[in-house]
N, C-alpha and C. Protein backbone atom coordinates (compact mmCIF):
# COMPACT_ATOMS: atom_id res chain seq x y z
N MET A 1 161.51 81.63 7.06
CA MET A 1 162.51 80.77 7.70
C MET A 1 163.67 81.69 8.14
N THR A 2 164.14 81.52 9.33
CA THR A 2 165.23 82.33 9.86
C THR A 2 166.59 81.69 9.55
N GLN A 3 167.60 82.49 9.46
CA GLN A 3 168.95 82.02 9.28
C GLN A 3 169.61 81.90 10.67
N LYS A 4 170.10 80.73 10.98
CA LYS A 4 170.80 80.50 12.24
C LYS A 4 172.19 81.04 12.14
N VAL A 5 172.63 81.83 13.12
CA VAL A 5 173.96 82.44 13.13
C VAL A 5 174.58 82.33 14.48
N ILE A 6 175.92 82.30 14.49
CA ILE A 6 176.73 82.49 15.64
C ILE A 6 177.68 83.63 15.30
N LEU A 7 177.62 84.67 16.16
CA LEU A 7 178.51 85.84 15.93
C LEU A 7 179.83 85.71 16.64
N ASP A 8 180.87 86.23 16.00
CA ASP A 8 182.18 86.29 16.60
C ASP A 8 182.62 87.74 16.55
N ILE A 9 182.67 88.38 17.75
CA ILE A 9 182.91 89.84 17.74
C ILE A 9 183.96 90.20 18.74
N ASP A 10 184.49 91.41 18.47
CA ASP A 10 185.43 92.02 19.45
C ASP A 10 184.84 93.35 19.90
N ASN A 11 183.82 93.22 20.75
CA ASN A 11 182.99 94.37 21.14
C ASN A 11 183.73 95.27 22.05
N ALA A 12 183.98 96.47 21.63
CA ALA A 12 184.70 97.48 22.41
C ALA A 12 183.83 98.63 22.85
N LEU A 13 182.49 98.39 22.88
CA LEU A 13 181.55 99.42 23.28
C LEU A 13 181.94 99.97 24.62
N THR A 14 181.82 101.31 24.76
CA THR A 14 182.09 102.12 25.94
C THR A 14 183.56 102.47 26.17
N ILE A 15 184.45 101.98 25.30
CA ILE A 15 185.81 102.34 25.40
C ILE A 15 186.07 103.50 24.48
N PRO A 16 186.50 104.65 25.05
CA PRO A 16 186.65 105.84 24.13
C PRO A 16 187.60 105.59 22.99
N ALA A 17 187.29 106.15 21.82
CA ALA A 17 188.10 106.08 20.61
C ALA A 17 188.14 104.69 20.02
N GLN A 18 187.28 103.81 20.36
CA GLN A 18 187.22 102.46 19.69
C GLN A 18 185.95 102.36 18.90
N ASP A 19 186.05 101.57 17.82
CA ASP A 19 184.85 101.49 16.98
C ASP A 19 183.82 100.64 17.61
N THR A 20 182.55 100.90 17.28
CA THR A 20 181.45 100.19 17.90
C THR A 20 180.69 99.31 16.88
N ASP A 21 181.33 98.95 15.77
CA ASP A 21 180.65 98.20 14.76
C ASP A 21 180.16 96.79 15.26
N ASP A 22 180.94 96.21 16.08
CA ASP A 22 180.56 94.91 16.56
C ASP A 22 179.33 95.00 17.49
N ALA A 23 179.31 96.01 18.31
CA ALA A 23 178.07 96.21 19.24
C ALA A 23 176.87 96.44 18.43
N LEU A 24 177.00 97.21 17.40
CA LEU A 24 175.83 97.48 16.51
C LEU A 24 175.41 96.22 15.75
N ALA A 25 176.38 95.46 15.30
CA ALA A 25 176.02 94.18 14.59
C ALA A 25 175.28 93.25 15.54
N LEU A 26 175.74 93.15 16.81
CA LEU A 26 175.07 92.26 17.79
C LEU A 26 173.64 92.74 18.03
N ALA A 27 173.50 94.05 18.33
CA ALA A 27 172.18 94.57 18.58
C ALA A 27 171.23 94.36 17.42
N LEU A 28 171.69 94.66 16.21
CA LEU A 28 170.83 94.43 15.02
C LEU A 28 170.47 92.96 14.78
N ALA A 29 171.42 92.09 15.02
CA ALA A 29 171.24 90.64 14.88
C ALA A 29 170.19 90.14 15.86
N LEU A 30 170.26 90.64 17.11
CA LEU A 30 169.39 90.14 18.13
C LEU A 30 167.93 90.58 17.90
N VAL A 31 167.70 91.66 17.25
CA VAL A 31 166.31 92.15 17.01
C VAL A 31 165.81 91.80 15.58
N SER A 32 166.66 91.23 14.83
CA SER A 32 166.25 90.92 13.42
C SER A 32 165.33 89.70 13.35
N PRO A 33 164.14 89.88 12.65
CA PRO A 33 163.27 88.75 12.56
C PRO A 33 163.83 87.71 11.55
N GLU A 34 164.86 88.04 10.80
CA GLU A 34 165.43 87.14 9.80
C GLU A 34 166.56 86.27 10.36
N LEU A 35 167.00 86.58 11.53
CA LEU A 35 168.12 85.83 12.17
C LEU A 35 167.73 85.16 13.43
N ASP A 36 168.31 83.99 13.68
CA ASP A 36 168.19 83.26 14.96
C ASP A 36 169.57 83.20 15.49
N VAL A 37 169.93 84.07 16.49
CA VAL A 37 171.27 84.10 17.04
C VAL A 37 171.37 82.94 18.01
N LEU A 38 172.17 81.97 17.66
CA LEU A 38 172.38 80.78 18.49
C LEU A 38 173.41 81.03 19.57
N GLY A 39 174.28 81.97 19.31
CA GLY A 39 175.32 82.28 20.33
C GLY A 39 176.24 83.38 19.82
N CYS A 40 177.16 83.75 20.69
CA CYS A 40 178.08 84.84 20.38
C CYS A 40 179.40 84.52 21.07
N THR A 41 180.47 84.49 20.33
CA THR A 41 181.76 84.30 20.89
C THR A 41 182.50 85.71 20.82
N THR A 42 183.45 85.82 21.70
CA THR A 42 184.16 87.13 21.77
C THR A 42 185.61 86.86 21.60
N CYS A 43 186.36 87.83 21.18
CA CYS A 43 187.81 87.71 20.95
C CYS A 43 188.46 89.04 21.18
N ALA A 44 189.76 89.07 21.29
CA ALA A 44 190.49 90.34 21.33
C ALA A 44 190.54 90.98 19.94
N GLY A 45 190.71 92.26 19.95
CA GLY A 45 190.80 92.95 18.66
C GLY A 45 190.84 94.46 19.01
N ASN A 46 189.70 95.04 19.21
CA ASN A 46 189.59 96.42 19.58
C ASN A 46 189.86 96.61 21.06
N CYS A 47 189.85 95.55 21.80
CA CYS A 47 190.02 95.57 23.27
C CYS A 47 190.50 94.15 23.71
N GLN A 48 190.81 94.03 24.96
CA GLN A 48 191.23 92.71 25.46
C GLN A 48 189.97 91.78 25.57
N THR A 49 190.21 90.50 25.54
CA THR A 49 189.11 89.58 25.58
C THR A 49 188.22 89.69 26.80
N PRO A 50 188.73 89.84 28.00
CA PRO A 50 187.78 90.03 29.19
C PRO A 50 186.86 91.23 29.03
N GLN A 51 187.36 92.34 28.48
CA GLN A 51 186.54 93.52 28.25
C GLN A 51 185.45 93.19 27.18
N SER A 52 185.86 92.49 26.13
CA SER A 52 184.91 92.17 25.05
C SER A 52 183.80 91.26 25.61
N VAL A 53 184.13 90.33 26.47
CA VAL A 53 183.15 89.47 27.04
C VAL A 53 182.15 90.32 27.89
N SER A 54 182.64 91.18 28.72
CA SER A 54 181.84 92.00 29.58
C SER A 54 180.89 92.90 28.78
N TYR A 55 181.38 93.58 27.77
CA TYR A 55 180.62 94.50 26.93
C TYR A 55 179.58 93.76 26.13
N THR A 56 179.98 92.58 25.64
CA THR A 56 179.06 91.80 24.82
C THR A 56 177.90 91.34 25.66
N HIS A 57 178.14 90.86 26.89
CA HIS A 57 177.08 90.44 27.79
C HIS A 57 176.12 91.60 28.06
N LEU A 58 176.73 92.75 28.34
CA LEU A 58 175.93 93.97 28.63
C LEU A 58 175.02 94.34 27.47
N ARG A 59 175.57 94.42 26.27
CA ARG A 59 174.79 94.76 25.05
C ARG A 59 173.70 93.74 24.79
N ALA A 60 173.98 92.54 24.89
CA ALA A 60 172.97 91.49 24.68
C ALA A 60 171.85 91.59 25.69
N HIS A 61 172.21 91.84 26.94
CA HIS A 61 171.17 91.99 27.99
C HIS A 61 170.31 93.21 27.70
N GLU A 62 170.94 94.32 27.40
CA GLU A 62 170.21 95.58 27.13
C GLU A 62 169.23 95.39 25.91
N THR A 63 169.72 94.74 24.86
CA THR A 63 168.91 94.54 23.67
C THR A 63 167.74 93.60 23.96
N MET A 64 168.01 92.52 24.70
CA MET A 64 166.98 91.54 24.91
C MET A 64 165.94 92.04 25.93
N THR A 65 166.31 92.89 26.88
CA THR A 65 165.36 93.37 27.90
C THR A 65 164.77 94.72 27.58
N GLY A 66 165.36 95.37 26.56
CA GLY A 66 164.89 96.77 26.26
C GLY A 66 165.32 97.87 27.19
N ILE A 67 166.35 97.53 28.01
CA ILE A 67 166.92 98.56 28.94
C ILE A 67 167.92 99.41 28.26
């Protein structure tokens, strides 16, 4: 049985000198057989919210399509 989750992240992937922990968490959650990712919300933290939304969409797309 999988655990249903909704992630809330401040993804700053591709911004120099910012941590990438949220991008890694998203990628690992999306490929985990133990998790069912129902959604992902974004927020400001390591970057501004519009950047977080853009990078999160990119990471999710790359992970799901294998690109």
